[in-house]
N, C-alpha and C. Protein backbone atom coordinates (compact mmCIF):
# COMPACT_ATOMS: atom_id res chain seq x y z
N MET A 1 96.14 106.92 96.60
CA MET A 1 95.52 106.89 98.02
C MET A 1 94.80 107.78 98.63
N VAL A 2 93.68 107.40 99.21
CA VAL A 2 92.63 108.24 99.64
C VAL A 2 92.97 108.47 101.05
N THR A 3 93.14 109.90 101.56
CA THR A 3 93.14 109.91 103.07
C THR A 3 92.05 110.22 103.67
N ARG A 4 92.00 109.53 104.90
CA ARG A 4 90.32 109.57 105.59
C ARG A 4 90.46 110.80 106.37
N MET A 5 89.23 111.34 106.30
CA MET A 5 89.22 112.54 107.03
C MET A 5 89.17 112.30 108.70
N ALA A 6 89.44 113.55 109.34
CA ALA A 6 89.62 113.11 110.82
C ALA A 6 88.35 113.14 111.66
N THR A 7 88.52 112.46 112.88
CA THR A 7 87.18 112.23 113.75
C THR A 7 87.58 112.59 115.30
N LEU A 8 86.48 113.03 116.09
CA LEU A 8 87.10 113.35 117.34
C LEU A 8 88.00 112.51 117.84
N ASN A 9 87.82 111.27 117.63
CA ASN A 9 88.47 109.95 117.97
C ASN A 9 90.07 110.42 117.91
N ASP A 10 90.05 110.54 116.58
CA ASP A 10 91.35 110.91 116.06
C ASP A 10 92.20 111.97 116.84
N ALA A 11 91.57 113.25 117.02
CA ALA A 11 91.85 114.45 117.75
C ALA A 11 92.32 114.01 119.14
N ALA A 12 91.37 113.10 119.94
CA ALA A 12 91.87 112.67 121.30
C ALA A 12 93.09 111.67 121.29
N ALA A 13 93.35 110.94 120.13
CA ALA A 13 94.60 110.25 120.47
C ALA A 13 95.69 111.14 119.97
N LEU A 14 95.74 112.12 119.14
CA LEU A 14 96.64 112.89 118.93
C LEU A 14 97.21 113.69 120.22
N ALA A 15 96.16 114.31 120.63
CA ALA A 15 96.22 115.03 122.02
C ALA A 15 96.89 114.25 123.21
N MET A 16 96.53 112.68 123.26
CA MET A 16 96.83 112.15 124.34
C MET A 16 98.40 111.67 124.24
N ALA A 17 98.93 111.70 122.77
CA ALA A 17 100.03 110.92 122.51
C ALA A 17 101.30 112.16 122.84
N LEU A 18 100.68 113.07 122.95
CA LEU A 18 101.70 114.28 123.60
C LEU A 18 102.41 114.13 125.11
N PRO A 19 103.27 114.69 125.36
CA PRO A 19 103.71 114.64 126.72
C PRO A 19 102.67 115.45 127.84
N ASP A 20 102.73 114.84 128.90
CA ASP A 20 102.04 115.40 130.02
C ASP A 20 100.69 115.90 129.72
N VAL A 21 99.85 115.50 128.93
CA VAL A 21 98.55 115.92 128.70
C VAL A 21 97.34 115.29 129.44
N THR A 22 96.59 115.86 130.05
CA THR A 22 95.27 115.03 130.54
C THR A 22 93.76 115.53 129.89
N GLU A 23 93.43 114.41 129.95
CA GLU A 23 91.79 114.72 129.05
C GLU A 23 90.57 114.91 130.14
N GLU A 24 90.01 115.85 129.92
CA GLU A 24 88.72 115.57 130.82
C GLU A 24 87.54 116.02 130.28
N ARG A 25 86.49 115.90 130.95
CA ARG A 25 85.01 116.18 130.39
C ARG A 25 84.71 117.30 131.47
N GLY A 26 83.99 118.26 130.62
CA GLY A 26 83.34 118.97 131.80
C GLY A 26 82.77 120.62 130.96
N GLY A 27 82.62 121.55 132.05
CA GLY A 27 82.23 122.86 131.56
C GLY A 27 80.60 122.54 130.69
N HIS A 28 80.42 123.68 129.77
CA HIS A 28 79.00 123.58 129.12
C HIS A 28 79.24 122.69 128.15
N GLY A 29 77.98 121.65 128.51
CA GLY A 29 77.76 120.62 127.65
C GLY A 29 78.61 119.52 128.19
N ASN A 30 79.39 119.48 129.01
CA ASN A 30 80.43 118.06 129.37
C ASN A 30 81.28 117.66 128.51
N ARG A 31 81.82 118.67 127.73
CA ARG A 31 82.58 118.57 126.55
C ARG A 31 84.10 118.06 126.67
N LEU A 32 84.69 117.37 125.87
CA LEU A 32 85.98 116.71 126.07
C LEU A 32 87.06 117.67 125.91
N HIS A 33 88.18 118.12 126.59
CA HIS A 33 89.32 118.81 126.45
C HIS A 33 90.31 118.57 126.91
N TRP A 34 91.63 118.68 126.30
CA TRP A 34 92.87 118.48 126.58
C TRP A 34 93.92 119.44 127.19
N LYS A 35 94.39 118.94 128.10
CA LYS A 35 95.30 120.30 129.21
C LYS A 35 96.80 119.73 128.92
N VAL A 36 97.75 120.46 129.07
CA VAL A 36 98.96 120.28 129.59
C VAL A 36 99.51 121.58 130.24
N ALA A 37 100.30 120.94 131.58
CA ALA A 37 100.62 121.67 132.71
C ALA A 37 99.15 122.46 133.27
N GLY A 38 97.80 122.06 132.86
CA GLY A 38 96.81 122.83 133.45
C GLY A 38 96.42 123.41 132.57
N LYS A 39 96.83 123.88 131.25
CA LYS A 39 96.55 124.80 130.55
C LYS A 39 95.55 123.94 129.48
N MET A 40 94.38 124.60 128.86
CA MET A 40 93.95 123.91 127.84
C MET A 40 94.41 124.46 126.52
N PHE A 41 94.40 123.16 125.81
CA PHE A 41 95.03 123.46 124.49
C PHE A 41 94.22 122.94 123.24
N ALA A 42 93.20 122.28 123.76
CA ALA A 42 92.43 121.72 122.55
C ALA A 42 91.22 121.28 123.19
N TRP A 43 89.84 121.59 122.72
CA TRP A 43 88.93 121.03 123.23
C TRP A 43 87.60 120.97 122.09
N GLU A 44 86.37 120.13 122.65
CA GLU A 44 85.60 119.70 121.68
C GLU A 44 84.66 121.05 121.98
N ARG A 45 84.12 121.56 120.76
CA ARG A 45 83.23 122.66 120.39
C ARG A 45 82.13 122.76 119.61
N SER A 46 80.92 122.39 120.05
CA SER A 46 79.92 122.30 119.27
C SER A 46 79.23 123.99 119.00
N LEU A 47 78.68 124.19 118.12
CA LEU A 47 77.78 125.16 117.95
C LEU A 47 76.94 125.50 119.15
N THR A 48 76.65 126.93 119.50
CA THR A 48 75.61 127.25 120.46
C THR A 48 74.50 128.00 119.50
N LYS A 49 73.44 127.90 120.45
CA LYS A 49 72.48 128.63 119.52
C LYS A 49 72.84 130.00 118.96
N ALA A 50 73.44 130.76 120.25
CA ALA A 50 73.89 132.10 119.76
C ALA A 50 75.15 132.09 118.83
N ASP A 51 75.73 131.07 118.44
CA ASP A 51 76.40 130.94 117.37
C ASP A 51 75.80 131.19 116.19
N VAL A 52 74.84 129.93 116.17
CA VAL A 52 73.98 129.73 114.94
C VAL A 52 73.24 130.96 114.49
N LYS A 53 72.74 131.84 115.55
CA LYS A 53 72.09 132.69 115.24
C LYS A 53 72.79 133.95 114.56
N ARG A 54 74.25 134.11 114.99
CA ARG A 54 75.06 135.06 114.53
C ARG A 54 75.77 134.71 113.09
N TRP A 55 75.79 133.15 112.97
CA TRP A 55 76.35 132.78 111.73
C TRP A 55 76.26 133.49 110.48
N GLY A 56 74.85 133.88 109.97
CA GLY A 56 74.69 134.66 108.94
C GLY A 56 74.49 133.62 107.58
N ASP A 57 74.71 133.79 106.42
CA ASP A 57 74.02 133.06 105.13
C ASP A 57 75.07 132.17 104.86
N ALA A 58 76.22 131.77 105.44
CA ALA A 58 77.19 130.66 104.92
C ALA A 58 76.63 129.51 105.39
N PRO A 59 77.04 128.34 105.05
CA PRO A 59 76.62 127.19 105.55
C PRO A 59 77.30 126.79 106.86
N LEU A 60 76.44 126.19 107.80
CA LEU A 60 76.86 126.18 108.93
C LEU A 60 78.10 124.84 109.02
N PRO A 61 79.07 124.79 109.78
CA PRO A 61 79.78 123.83 110.02
C PRO A 61 78.95 122.40 110.57
N GLU A 62 79.33 121.22 110.22
CA GLU A 62 78.52 119.93 110.42
C GLU A 62 79.28 119.25 111.21
N GLY A 63 78.97 118.22 111.88
CA GLY A 63 79.69 117.18 112.78
C GLY A 63 80.57 117.62 113.73
N ASP A 64 81.34 116.90 114.33
CA ASP A 64 82.39 117.52 115.49
C ASP A 64 83.23 118.51 115.05
N ILE A 65 83.41 119.33 115.82
CA ILE A 65 84.24 120.79 115.86
C ILE A 65 85.21 120.47 116.87
N LEU A 66 86.45 120.98 116.71
CA LEU A 66 87.52 120.73 117.61
C LEU A 66 88.15 122.38 117.31
N ALA A 67 88.37 123.12 118.72
CA ALA A 67 88.88 124.07 118.79
C ALA A 67 90.40 123.91 119.44
N VAL A 68 91.13 124.62 118.87
CA VAL A 68 92.66 124.59 119.26
C VAL A 68 93.36 125.93 119.28
N ARG A 69 94.23 125.79 120.34
CA ARG A 69 94.76 127.29 120.74
C ARG A 69 95.94 127.50 119.74
N THR A 70 96.20 128.74 119.42
CA THR A 70 97.53 129.11 118.52
C THR A 70 98.42 130.05 119.22
N GLU A 71 99.33 130.29 118.91
CA GLU A 71 100.41 131.04 119.57
C GLU A 71 99.80 132.15 120.13
N ASP A 72 99.27 133.02 119.25
CA ASP A 72 98.98 134.23 119.48
C ASP A 72 98.15 134.59 118.32
N LEU A 73 97.51 135.84 118.07
CA LEU A 73 96.38 136.30 117.10
C LEU A 73 97.16 136.16 115.84
N HIS A 74 98.43 136.75 115.72
CA HIS A 74 99.24 136.85 114.48
C HIS A 74 99.26 135.32 113.97
N GLU A 75 99.42 134.17 114.61
CA GLU A 75 99.72 132.84 114.28
C GLU A 75 98.15 132.63 113.61
N LYS A 76 97.11 132.85 114.59
CA LYS A 76 95.87 132.48 114.03
C LYS A 76 95.51 133.17 112.57
N GLU A 77 95.91 134.33 112.44
CA GLU A 77 95.41 135.08 111.20
C GLU A 77 96.33 134.50 110.17
N ALA A 78 97.38 133.96 110.62
CA ALA A 78 98.24 133.13 109.19
C ALA A 78 97.82 132.06 108.91
N LEU A 79 97.43 131.50 110.19
CA LEU A 79 96.73 129.71 109.51
C LEU A 79 95.56 129.98 108.96
N LEU A 80 94.70 130.98 109.30
CA LEU A 80 93.46 131.07 108.60
C LEU A 80 93.71 131.48 107.06
N ALA A 81 94.68 132.42 106.98
CA ALA A 81 94.95 132.78 105.52
C ALA A 81 95.60 131.71 104.74
N GLU A 82 96.21 130.57 105.27
CA GLU A 82 96.72 129.06 104.70
C GLU A 82 95.11 128.42 104.04
N GLY A 83 94.29 128.68 104.47
CA GLY A 83 93.03 128.11 103.78
C GLY A 83 92.96 126.49 103.87
N VAL A 84 93.57 126.03 104.93
CA VAL A 84 93.51 124.39 105.38
C VAL A 84 91.87 124.30 105.49
N PRO A 85 91.70 123.15 104.61
CA PRO A 85 90.23 122.84 104.41
C PRO A 85 89.96 122.68 106.09
N GLY A 86 88.53 122.87 106.45
CA GLY A 86 87.79 122.68 107.58
C GLY A 86 88.38 123.69 108.69
N VAL A 87 89.36 124.45 108.44
CA VAL A 87 89.91 125.39 109.67
C VAL A 87 89.01 126.66 109.43
N PHE A 88 88.32 127.24 110.45
CA PHE A 88 87.83 128.36 110.39
C PHE A 88 87.71 129.11 111.79
N THR A 89 87.04 130.37 111.64
CA THR A 89 86.66 131.01 112.94
C THR A 89 85.17 131.68 112.90
N MET A 90 84.92 132.21 114.45
CA MET A 90 83.52 132.96 114.09
C MET A 90 83.62 134.06 115.34
N GLN A 91 82.58 134.69 114.99
CA GLN A 91 82.52 135.95 115.81
C GLN A 91 82.97 135.78 117.54
N HIS A 92 82.46 134.75 118.11
CA HIS A 92 82.89 134.36 119.33
C HIS A 92 84.35 134.20 119.63
N PHE A 93 85.05 134.01 118.51
CA PHE A 93 86.66 133.54 118.71
C PHE A 93 87.39 134.99 118.36
N ASP A 94 86.36 136.16 118.14
CA ASP A 94 87.40 137.42 117.54
C ASP A 94 88.22 137.98 118.86
N GLY A 95 89.49 138.06 118.54
CA GLY A 95 90.09 138.37 119.54
C GLY A 95 90.86 137.33 120.59
N TYR A 96 90.62 136.49 120.49
CA TYR A 96 91.11 135.24 121.01
C TYR A 96 91.85 134.16 120.26
N PRO A 97 93.37 133.76 120.58
CA PRO A 97 94.12 132.86 119.83
C PRO A 97 93.76 131.58 119.73
N ALA A 98 92.85 131.28 119.04
CA ALA A 98 92.55 130.15 118.73
C ALA A 98 91.54 129.60 117.49
N VAL A 99 91.65 128.69 116.89
CA VAL A 99 90.83 128.21 115.57
C VAL A 99 89.98 127.17 115.90
N LEU A 100 89.07 127.03 114.98
CA LEU A 100 88.10 125.84 114.95
C LEU A 100 88.35 124.99 113.86
N ILE A 101 88.21 123.69 113.90
CA ILE A 101 88.22 122.94 112.87
C ILE A 101 87.07 121.93 112.79
N GLU A 102 86.48 121.80 111.48
CA GLU A 102 85.30 121.16 111.25
C GLU A 102 86.20 119.57 110.90
N LEU A 103 85.79 118.86 111.86
CA LEU A 103 86.85 117.55 111.62
C LEU A 103 86.27 116.91 110.26
N ARG A 104 85.34 116.69 109.85
CA ARG A 104 84.89 115.95 109.06
C ARG A 104 85.58 116.46 107.39
N LEU A 105 86.29 117.83 107.41
CA LEU A 105 86.63 118.33 106.28
C LEU A 105 88.27 118.57 106.37
N VAL A 106 89.06 118.18 107.29
CA VAL A 106 90.53 118.33 107.59
C VAL A 106 91.01 116.80 107.65
N LYS A 107 92.19 116.87 106.93
CA LYS A 107 92.87 115.72 106.55
C LYS A 107 93.50 115.37 108.00
N LYS A 108 93.87 114.09 108.25
CA LYS A 108 94.64 113.86 109.79
C LYS A 108 95.98 114.04 109.74
N PRO A 109 96.90 114.40 108.58
CA PRO A 109 98.24 115.01 108.69
C PRO A 109 97.77 116.64 109.26
N ALA A 110 97.38 117.28 108.50
CA ALA A 110 96.77 118.72 109.07
C ALA A 110 96.47 118.80 110.28
N LEU A 111 95.41 117.69 110.69
CA LEU A 111 94.91 117.58 112.12
C LEU A 111 96.13 117.48 113.26
N LYS A 112 96.93 116.45 112.86
CA LYS A 112 98.37 116.57 113.86
C LYS A 112 98.75 117.54 114.22
N GLN A 113 99.18 118.36 113.06
CA GLN A 113 99.77 119.49 112.91
C GLN A 113 99.15 120.40 113.95
N LEU A 114 97.89 120.77 113.73
CA LEU A 114 97.14 121.72 114.32
C LEU A 114 97.14 121.51 115.95
N VAL A 115 97.02 120.21 116.49
CA VAL A 115 96.94 119.98 117.37
C VAL A 115 98.34 119.68 118.23
N VAL A 116 99.67 119.70 117.57
CA VAL A 116 100.87 119.58 118.10
C VAL A 116 101.25 121.09 118.44
N ASP A 117 101.03 122.04 117.41
CA ASP A 117 100.94 123.69 117.61
C ASP A 117 100.37 123.94 118.76
N ALA A 118 99.03 123.67 118.92
CA ALA A 118 98.36 124.18 119.88
C ALA A 118 99.08 123.46 121.20
N TRP A 119 99.45 122.44 121.38
CA TRP A 119 100.01 121.95 122.42
C TRP A 119 101.43 122.54 122.86
N LEU A 120 102.18 122.70 121.79
CA LEU A 120 103.22 123.68 121.74
C LEU A 120 102.91 125.18 122.40
N ALA A 121 102.11 125.51 121.72
CA ALA A 121 101.62 127.06 122.31
C ALA A 121 101.41 126.99 123.97
N MET A 122 100.68 125.87 124.12
CA MET A 122 100.53 125.93 126.01
C MET A 122 101.31 125.13 126.97
N ALA A 123 102.45 124.22 126.32
CA ALA A 123 103.07 123.81 127.15
C ALA A 123 104.24 124.52 127.85
N PRO A 124 104.64 124.22 128.70
CA PRO A 124 105.87 125.02 129.35
C PRO A 124 107.18 124.87 128.37
N ASP A 125 107.85 125.77 128.43
CA ASP A 125 109.11 126.10 127.68
C ASP A 125 109.91 124.91 127.73
N THR A 126 110.42 124.23 128.84
CA THR A 126 111.42 123.54 128.84
C THR A 126 110.52 122.04 128.43
N LEU A 127 109.28 121.68 128.57
CA LEU A 127 108.53 120.49 128.15
C LEU A 127 108.57 120.68 126.61
N ALA A 128 107.96 121.83 125.93
CA ALA A 128 108.30 121.90 124.62
C ALA A 128 109.45 121.90 123.75
N GLU A 129 110.57 122.38 124.76
CA GLU A 129 111.95 122.12 123.86
C GLU A 129 112.52 120.71 123.88
N ALA A 130 112.30 120.15 125.05
CA ALA A 130 112.55 118.58 125.11
C ALA A 130 111.58 117.80 124.01
N TYR A 131 110.46 118.31 123.79
CA TYR A 131 109.59 117.56 122.96
C TYR A 131 110.06 117.53 121.47
N LEU A 132 110.48 118.86 121.02
CA LEU A 132 111.08 119.15 119.71
C LEU A 132 112.42 118.67 119.67
N LYS A 133 113.28 118.71 120.46
CA LYS A 133 114.45 117.92 120.44
C LYS A 133 114.34 116.18 120.10
N ARG A 134 113.68 115.65 120.89
CA ARG A 134 113.26 114.23 120.60
C ARG A 134 112.80 114.17 119.17
N ARG A 135 111.84 114.95 118.81
CA ARG A 135 111.43 114.70 117.36
C ARG A 135 112.22 115.17 116.37
N LYS A 136 113.26 115.82 116.46
CA LYS A 136 114.23 115.86 115.41
C LYS A 136 115.21 114.50 115.27
N ARG A 137 115.31 113.93 116.44
CA ARG A 137 116.00 112.51 115.88
C ARG A 137 115.58 111.79 114.95
C-alpha cells in the first residue's frame, strides 16, 4: 500500500480536529495558523528572501512548509535526530522550540503525530490531560 504524502489541507484538517483549536489567517504573507487557548502551535511558513540567502548549498525545500511547536529545545533536537523525512530546521529557528515540515516529503501518520505533539505542547494542562485520557480509551 502506498501512503500519499501530506498537504497543507491535511495539516489544517489535523489541527482543526483537535479540541479548542482556532484557525486564523494573518501576519506576514497572510498565512494560515492554528491556535489553542490563544497560543499558536502550527503555522504555514514559506521561505523568506533572507531564509533563501542564508540557506547555503543544500537544496531548498519545495512546496508548502508547516512549522510546528515542540515542547522545548531538547524535544526539537531529539525530533531532528530521528530523521523523519521532511522535518528540518534553519538558522531563523535557532534557539526556538519549533521544527519545519516540508509537507510533500512527510507521510500523513508522521504529520499527525507532529501536529498533535505541537498541540499538546501549547494546550493548557487540563485540556491536554483530558485529550490524552480520551485517546487511551
